[in-house]
Amino acid sequence: MPKRYKLRGASLDAIREKALTQYGPQARIVAAEKVINPGIVGLFAAARFEATVEVGEAAGIAPAALASGPAAPRASTGKTAANPIAGHDLQGPAIAALLERADAAEREMHRPDPVSTASPDFAGLLEHLGKELEARPALHTVPEPSLPPSDAPNEKVPAPLEGNGNVILLVGLGDDALGPALEMSIAAGGSDVRTAGELTAFGHLHVSGRQSAMAARAQAVLTGQNVVVAYGLGKASDIPEQAHAIAGLSADQVWVVADARRKAGDTAAWVRALQTLLSTEPVGVSALAVIGASETASPETVDGLGIPVGWVDGKPARRTSLGKVH
């Protein structure tokens, strides 16, 4: 059974290095928070970070780690999946996301009291949003045919929706969608990142259906944010039963998350199966988010999916296909 330990440091990078030294490469950060000491009338003020590190049962623990002791388990607001997806060591954008979450905790101290979801105003907003969604016509995004670079100088690269109250859905195998969801949130200055489907993540609320998605949308309207939902399909064989659930979330924008390191044929099979099933629903795939493009010699294989690329390895794409980016 994995064990958890509490580590402190001046920065998340320092804690990450300490975790690697004390617990080995199997250690991963699962939670972090920024602790501020206001000092005396502003004097001697200081800030530090505290993180919870999870170490697998098979991981060897250095003697120095024994002094730290296991950290008390933290409560999670998300659901626990029956078949949890294996996590990844938090690096790069994910570390930045944890830092953003720690800063958000500090801002929370000065935020006015939240609007109660039990109030008549909140219920009225939910009802109003529900009527708007029912009246909204079904929109299907048909990708434009690929053109050579010289013929498409003004091509429009897809981008996450701006504004507030929008539901942006990222769909991928396993936990592939979580990284891009966190990255899009950071790029937008902070969004309400949630999980759905077979994917759960520590510290993120889980969207379980239409009503849950509507509540998230309404809350985002009140807070001036968008909702970014990372949807885990689980395995490719689970797609048929997931398509209806995806459509039920009534997302304003749907992204497919493809791993460029996987075999092109395998990726094309599940993406086309998903598109076929969604073609009978009032929702369509708008854009492609690509991960692992910098870790393969042939990232342009995802161009064969026929979906315009809008996000690549943590950043907005410059062109609609990787053959033109690299």
Protein backbone atom coordinates (compact mmCIF):
# COMPACT_ATOMS: atom_id res chain seq x y z
CA MET A 1 0.00 0.00 0.00
CA PRO A 2 1.50 3.42 -0.95
CA LYS A 3 2.75 5.57 1.93
CA ARG A 4 2.60 9.34 2.20
CA TYR A 5 5.15 11.70 3.72
CA LYS A 6 5.14 15.44 4.42
CA LEU A 7 8.03 17.52 3.09
CA ARG A 8 8.75 21.24 3.44
CA GLY A 9 10.87 23.54 1.33
CA ALA A 10 11.34 27.03 -0.06
CA SER A 11 9.87 26.01 -3.42
CA LEU A 12 8.11 23.09 -5.10
CA ASP A 13 11.25 22.35 -7.10
CA ALA A 14 13.24 22.10 -3.86
CA ILE A 15 10.67 19.72 -2.41
CA ARG A 16 10.72 17.66 -5.59
CA GLU A 17 14.52 17.31 -5.39
CA LYS A 18 14.27 16.38 -1.72
CA ALA A 19 11.64 13.74 -2.50
CA LEU A 20 13.83 12.28 -5.24
CA THR A 21 16.82 12.13 -2.88
CA GLN A 22 14.98 10.66 0.10
CA TYR A 23 12.46 8.35 -1.53
CA GLY A 24 13.81 7.65 -5.00
CA PRO A 25 12.23 8.02 -8.47
CA GLN A 26 8.97 6.33 -7.40
CA ALA A 27 8.06 9.31 -5.18
CA ARG A 28 5.48 11.73 -6.55
CA ILE A 29 3.87 14.90 -5.22
CA VAL A 30 0.11 14.46 -4.77
CA ALA A 31 -0.70 17.73 -2.94
CA ALA A 32 1.01 21.02 -2.14
CA GLU A 33 0.17 24.20 -0.32
CA LYS A 34 1.82 27.56 0.35
CA VAL A 35 2.22 28.45 4.04
CA ILE A 36 2.67 32.13 4.89
CA ASN A 37 4.01 33.46 8.20
CA PRO A 38 2.89 37.13 8.40
CA GLY A 39 5.53 37.92 11.02
CA ILE A 40 5.11 40.84 13.42
CA VAL A 41 3.51 43.88 11.77
CA GLY A 42 4.99 42.72 8.48
CA LEU A 43 8.47 42.15 9.88
CA PHE A 44 10.12 38.75 9.57
CA ALA A 45 7.37 37.64 7.17
CA ALA A 46 8.18 34.46 5.31
CA ALA A 47 6.61 31.89 3.03
CA ARG A 48 7.33 28.23 2.49
CA PHE A 49 5.74 25.26 0.75
CA GLU A 50 4.51 22.02 2.23
CA ALA A 51 3.85 19.01 0.03
CA THR A 52 2.52 15.51 0.49
CA VAL A 53 4.67 12.90 -1.24
CA GLU A 54 3.32 9.46 -2.08
CA VAL A 55 5.75 6.53 -2.29
CA GLY A 56 4.76 3.19 -3.82
CA GLU A 57 5.08 -0.01 -1.81
CA ALA A 58 7.88 -1.27 -4.04
CA ALA A 59 9.91 1.93 -3.80
CA GLY A 60 13.02 1.85 -1.64
CA ILE A 61 13.03 4.47 1.12
CA ALA A 62 16.29 6.13 2.04
CA PRO A 63 17.14 6.16 5.76
CA ALA A 64 16.86 9.94 5.84
CA ALA A 65 13.21 9.67 4.81
CA LEU A 66 12.27 7.69 7.90
CA ALA A 67 12.65 10.78 10.04
CA SER A 68 9.96 12.58 8.11
CA GLY A 69 7.26 10.02 8.95
CA PRO A 70 4.11 9.41 6.96
CA ALA A 71 1.89 12.36 6.29
CA ALA A 72 -1.71 12.34 7.42
CA PRO A 73 -4.02 11.44 4.54
CA ARG A 74 -5.80 14.37 2.95
CA ALA A 75 -9.47 14.27 2.08
CA SER A 76 -10.33 14.40 -1.59
CA THR A 77 -13.50 15.98 -2.93
CA GLY A 78 -13.43 13.83 -6.05
CA LYS A 79 -14.82 10.32 -6.45
CA THR A 80 -12.59 7.29 -6.28
CA ALA A 81 -12.44 5.36 -9.53
CA ALA A 82 -12.94 1.64 -9.47
CA ASN A 83 -9.84 1.22 -11.63
CA PRO A 84 -7.62 4.22 -10.81
CA ILE A 85 -5.34 5.35 -13.58
CA ALA A 86 -1.64 5.15 -12.81
CA GLY A 87 -0.23 8.63 -12.00
CA HIS A 88 2.80 10.30 -13.43
CA ASP A 89 5.59 12.17 -11.63
CA LEU A 90 4.52 15.80 -11.54
CA GLN A 91 6.88 17.81 -13.70
CA GLY A 92 6.81 21.00 -15.75
CA PRO A 93 3.24 22.20 -16.27
CA ALA A 94 1.83 20.00 -13.51
CA ILE A 95 4.30 21.50 -10.99
CA ALA A 96 3.21 24.94 -12.18
CA ALA A 97 -0.40 23.90 -11.67
CA LEU A 98 0.33 22.94 -8.06
CA LEU A 99 2.04 26.29 -7.52
CA GLU A 100 -0.98 28.05 -9.00
CA ARG A 101 -3.23 26.08 -6.65
CA ALA A 102 -1.09 27.14 -3.68
CA ASP A 103 -1.30 30.79 -4.71
CA ALA A 104 -5.05 30.41 -5.15
CA ALA A 105 -5.29 29.26 -1.53
CA GLU A 106 -3.69 32.54 -0.46
CA ARG A 107 -6.14 34.54 -2.58
CA GLU A 108 -9.00 32.58 -1.06
CA MET A 109 -8.26 34.26 2.30
CA HIS A 110 -9.34 37.62 0.84
CA ARG A 111 -12.22 36.38 -1.29
CA PRO A 112 -15.78 37.35 -0.24
CA ASP A 113 -18.14 34.68 1.03
CA PRO A 114 -19.14 32.30 -1.79
CA VAL A 115 -22.65 32.31 -3.11
CA SER A 116 -24.65 29.50 -1.57
CA THR A 117 -25.86 26.94 -4.10
CA ALA A 118 -28.97 26.57 -1.95
CA SER A 119 -30.05 30.17 -2.59
CA PRO A 120 -33.03 31.03 -4.85
CA ASP A 121 -30.70 33.06 -7.13
CA PHE A 122 -28.48 30.04 -7.75
CA ALA A 123 -31.48 27.79 -8.46
CA GLY A 124 -32.84 30.39 -10.86
CA LEU A 125 -29.52 30.60 -12.66
CA LEU A 126 -29.45 26.82 -13.07
CA GLU A 127 -32.97 26.85 -14.53
CA HIS A 128 -32.07 29.68 -16.91
CA LEU A 129 -28.94 27.88 -18.11
CA GLY A 130 -30.92 24.67 -18.60
CA LYS A 131 -33.42 26.46 -20.87
CA GLU A 132 -30.60 28.03 -22.88
CA LEU A 133 -28.94 24.65 -23.40
CA GLU A 134 -32.19 23.03 -24.54
CA ALA A 135 -32.83 25.86 -27.02
CA ARG A 136 -29.29 25.89 -28.36
CA PRO A 137 -29.07 24.33 -31.86
CA ALA A 138 -26.73 21.41 -32.38
CA LEU A 139 -23.43 22.48 -33.84
CA HIS A 140 -21.02 20.17 -35.60
CA THR A 141 -17.53 21.34 -36.37
CA VAL A 142 -16.34 19.98 -39.70
CA PRO A 143 -12.57 20.22 -40.06
CA GLU A 144 -11.45 22.06 -43.17
CA PRO A 145 -9.33 20.14 -45.67
CA SER A 146 -5.58 20.40 -45.18
CA LEU A 147 -3.80 22.83 -47.46
CA PRO A 148 -0.09 23.29 -48.17
CA PRO A 149 1.55 26.07 -46.11
CA SER A 150 1.77 28.38 -49.11
CA ASP A 151 -1.99 28.04 -49.75
CA ALA A 152 -3.07 28.61 -46.15
CA PRO A 153 -1.22 31.68 -44.82
CA ASN A 154 -4.21 32.82 -42.74
CA GLU A 155 -5.34 29.49 -41.31
CA LYS A 156 -7.08 29.84 -37.96
CA VAL A 157 -5.59 27.73 -35.18
CA PRO A 158 -8.21 26.44 -32.70
CA ALA A 159 -7.95 27.86 -29.18
CA PRO A 160 -9.75 27.22 -25.87
CA LEU A 161 -12.89 29.32 -25.51
CA GLU A 162 -12.50 32.60 -23.65
CA GLY A 163 -15.00 34.31 -21.36
CA ASN A 164 -16.75 32.67 -18.44
CA GLY A 165 -19.32 29.95 -17.87
CA ASN A 166 -18.13 27.85 -20.83
CA VAL A 167 -17.58 24.11 -20.43
CA ILE A 168 -14.44 23.00 -22.29
CA LEU A 169 -14.17 19.20 -22.49
CA LEU A 170 -10.89 17.37 -23.12
CA VAL A 171 -11.29 13.66 -23.93
CA GLY A 172 -8.42 11.17 -23.86
CA LEU A 173 -7.38 7.64 -22.98
CA GLY A 174 -6.39 6.97 -19.38
CA ASP A 175 -5.34 10.22 -17.69
CA ASP A 176 -4.00 11.85 -20.88
CA ALA A 177 -6.51 14.72 -20.67
CA LEU A 178 -5.49 15.96 -17.20
CA GLY A 179 -2.15 17.53 -18.19
CA PRO A 180 -3.53 19.66 -21.06
CA ALA A 181 -6.51 20.66 -18.87
CA LEU A 182 -4.18 22.02 -16.18
CA GLU A 183 -2.03 23.74 -18.81
CA MET A 184 -5.03 25.44 -20.43
CA SER A 185 -6.18 26.60 -17.00
CA ILE A 186 -2.80 28.20 -16.27
CA ALA A 187 -2.70 29.85 -19.71
CA ALA A 188 -6.17 31.34 -19.10
CA GLY A 189 -5.19 32.75 -15.71
CA GLY A 190 -7.12 30.16 -13.74
CA SER A 191 -10.09 27.96 -14.64
CA ASP A 192 -12.22 25.50 -12.70
CA VAL A 193 -10.51 22.21 -13.63
CA ARG A 194 -12.64 19.12 -12.98
CA THR A 195 -12.52 15.45 -13.94
CA ALA A 196 -15.09 13.13 -15.54
CA GLY A 197 -15.49 9.61 -16.90
CA GLU A 198 -12.94 7.08 -15.63
CA LEU A 199 -10.51 9.80 -14.53
CA THR A 200 -10.24 11.21 -11.01
CA ALA A 201 -7.54 13.45 -9.56
CA PHE A 202 -6.70 14.60 -6.06
CA GLY A 203 -8.07 18.08 -5.35
CA HIS A 204 -10.42 18.22 -8.36
CA LEU A 205 -14.21 17.86 -8.25
CA HIS A 206 -15.72 15.13 -10.42
CA VAL A 207 -18.45 15.83 -12.98
CA SER A 208 -20.77 12.83 -12.96
CA GLY A 209 -23.49 13.85 -15.40
CA ARG A 210 -25.64 16.59 -16.92
CA GLN A 211 -26.82 18.11 -13.62
CA SER A 212 -23.29 18.12 -12.25
CA ALA A 213 -22.02 19.85 -15.40
CA MET A 214 -24.79 22.47 -15.20
CA ALA A 215 -23.92 23.19 -11.57
CA ALA A 216 -20.26 23.60 -12.51
CA ARG A 217 -21.24 25.94 -15.35
CA ALA A 218 -23.43 28.05 -13.07
CA GLN A 219 -20.71 28.32 -10.44
CA ALA A 220 -18.22 29.37 -13.15
CA VAL A 221 -20.57 32.15 -14.27
CA LEU A 222 -20.64 33.48 -10.72
CA THR A 223 -16.85 33.31 -10.31
CA GLY A 224 -16.01 34.62 -13.78
CA GLN A 225 -14.23 31.47 -14.93
CA ASN A 226 -14.54 28.70 -17.49
CA VAL A 227 -14.87 25.03 -16.58
CA VAL A 228 -12.20 22.75 -18.05
CA VAL A 229 -13.19 19.07 -17.75
CA ALA A 230 -10.60 16.32 -18.19
CA TYR A 231 -12.55 13.25 -19.33
CA GLY A 232 -10.90 9.83 -19.06
CA LEU A 233 -12.15 7.21 -21.50
CA GLY A 234 -10.33 4.44 -19.70
CA LYS A 235 -9.52 1.96 -22.47
CA ALA A 236 -10.31 2.19 -26.17
CA SER A 237 -12.83 -0.62 -25.75
CA ASP A 238 -14.83 1.54 -23.32
CA ILE A 239 -15.61 4.23 -25.92
CA PRO A 240 -19.10 3.02 -27.00
CA GLU A 241 -20.52 3.28 -23.49
CA GLN A 242 -18.79 6.63 -22.88
CA ALA A 243 -20.05 8.49 -25.96
CA HIS A 244 -23.54 9.12 -24.57
CA ALA A 245 -22.11 10.29 -21.25
CA ILE A 246 -19.82 12.74 -23.08
CA ALA A 247 -22.75 14.16 -25.04
CA GLY A 248 -24.75 14.50 -21.82
CA LEU A 249 -22.27 17.03 -20.43
CA SER A 250 -23.40 19.54 -23.11
CA ALA A 251 -19.90 20.97 -23.50
CA ASP A 252 -19.40 24.18 -25.48
CA GLN A 253 -16.13 22.91 -26.94
CA VAL A 254 -14.72 19.37 -27.23
CA TRP A 255 -11.03 18.57 -27.65
CA VAL A 256 -9.52 15.15 -28.34
CA VAL A 257 -6.21 14.51 -26.56
CA ALA A 258 -3.86 12.31 -28.62
CA ASP A 259 -0.48 10.96 -27.54
CA ALA A 260 1.95 11.30 -30.47
CA ARG A 261 4.10 8.52 -29.00
CA ARG A 262 1.42 5.88 -29.57
CA LYS A 263 1.03 3.96 -32.81
CA ALA A 264 -0.78 6.05 -35.40
CA GLY A 265 -3.15 3.21 -36.27
CA ASP A 266 -4.18 2.64 -32.65
CA THR A 267 -4.85 6.35 -32.10
CA ALA A 268 -6.80 6.67 -35.35
CA ALA A 269 -8.99 3.69 -34.43
CA TRP A 270 -10.27 5.06 -31.13
CA VAL A 271 -10.54 8.68 -32.32
CA ARG A 272 -12.60 7.71 -35.36
CA ALA A 273 -14.78 5.43 -33.25
CA LEU A 274 -15.44 8.35 -30.90
CA GLN A 275 -16.22 10.73 -33.77
CA THR A 276 -18.61 8.22 -35.33
CA LEU A 277 -20.52 7.76 -32.08
CA LEU A 278 -20.66 11.51 -31.39
CA SER A 279 -21.96 12.19 -34.90
CA THR A 280 -25.41 11.11 -33.69
CA GLU A 281 -25.21 13.40 -30.65
CA PRO A 282 -25.55 17.22 -30.42
CA VAL A 283 -21.81 17.65 -29.93
CA GLY A 284 -18.75 17.35 -32.16
CA VAL A 285 -14.97 17.39 -31.85
CA SER A 286 -13.56 20.90 -32.35
CA ALA A 287 -9.80 20.52 -32.01
CA LEU A 288 -6.86 18.28 -31.17
CA ALA A 289 -4.52 18.59 -28.18
CA VAL A 290 -1.28 16.65 -28.67
CA ILE A 291 1.01 15.34 -25.93
CA GLY A 292 4.40 13.67 -26.33
CA ALA A 293 5.17 15.46 -29.62
CA SER A 294 8.68 16.35 -28.48
CA GLU A 295 9.40 12.75 -27.48
CA THR A 296 8.95 11.11 -30.88
CA ALA A 297 10.67 11.47 -34.24
CA SER A 298 7.37 11.43 -36.14
CA PRO A 299 4.81 13.61 -34.29
CA GLU A 300 3.15 14.50 -37.60
CA THR A 301 1.41 11.10 -37.64
CA VAL A 302 -1.46 12.70 -35.70
CA ASP A 303 -2.18 14.88 -38.75
CA GLY A 304 -3.81 11.81 -40.27
CA LEU A 305 -6.69 12.19 -37.80
CA GLY A 306 -7.98 15.13 -39.84
CA ILE A 307 -8.60 17.27 -36.73
CA PRO A 308 -7.00 20.74 -36.55
CA VAL A 309 -4.27 20.93 -33.91
CA GLY A 310 -4.71 23.67 -31.32
CA TRP A 311 -2.49 22.61 -28.41
CA VAL A 312 0.94 20.92 -28.40
CA ASP A 313 2.97 19.84 -25.35
CA GLY A 314 1.66 22.47 -22.96
CA LYS A 315 1.43 25.40 -25.37
CA PRO A 316 -0.98 26.78 -27.99
CA ALA A 317 -0.12 25.42 -31.44
CA ARG A 318 1.28 27.77 -34.09
CA ARG A 319 -0.24 25.86 -37.04
CA THR A 320 -3.09 23.42 -37.45
CA SER A 321 -0.87 20.43 -38.19
CA LEU A 322 2.36 19.15 -36.69
CA GLY A 323 3.90 18.67 -40.11
CA LYS A 324 3.96 22.45 -40.31
CA VAL A 325 5.05 23.04 -36.73
CA HIS A 326 8.18 20.86 -36.61
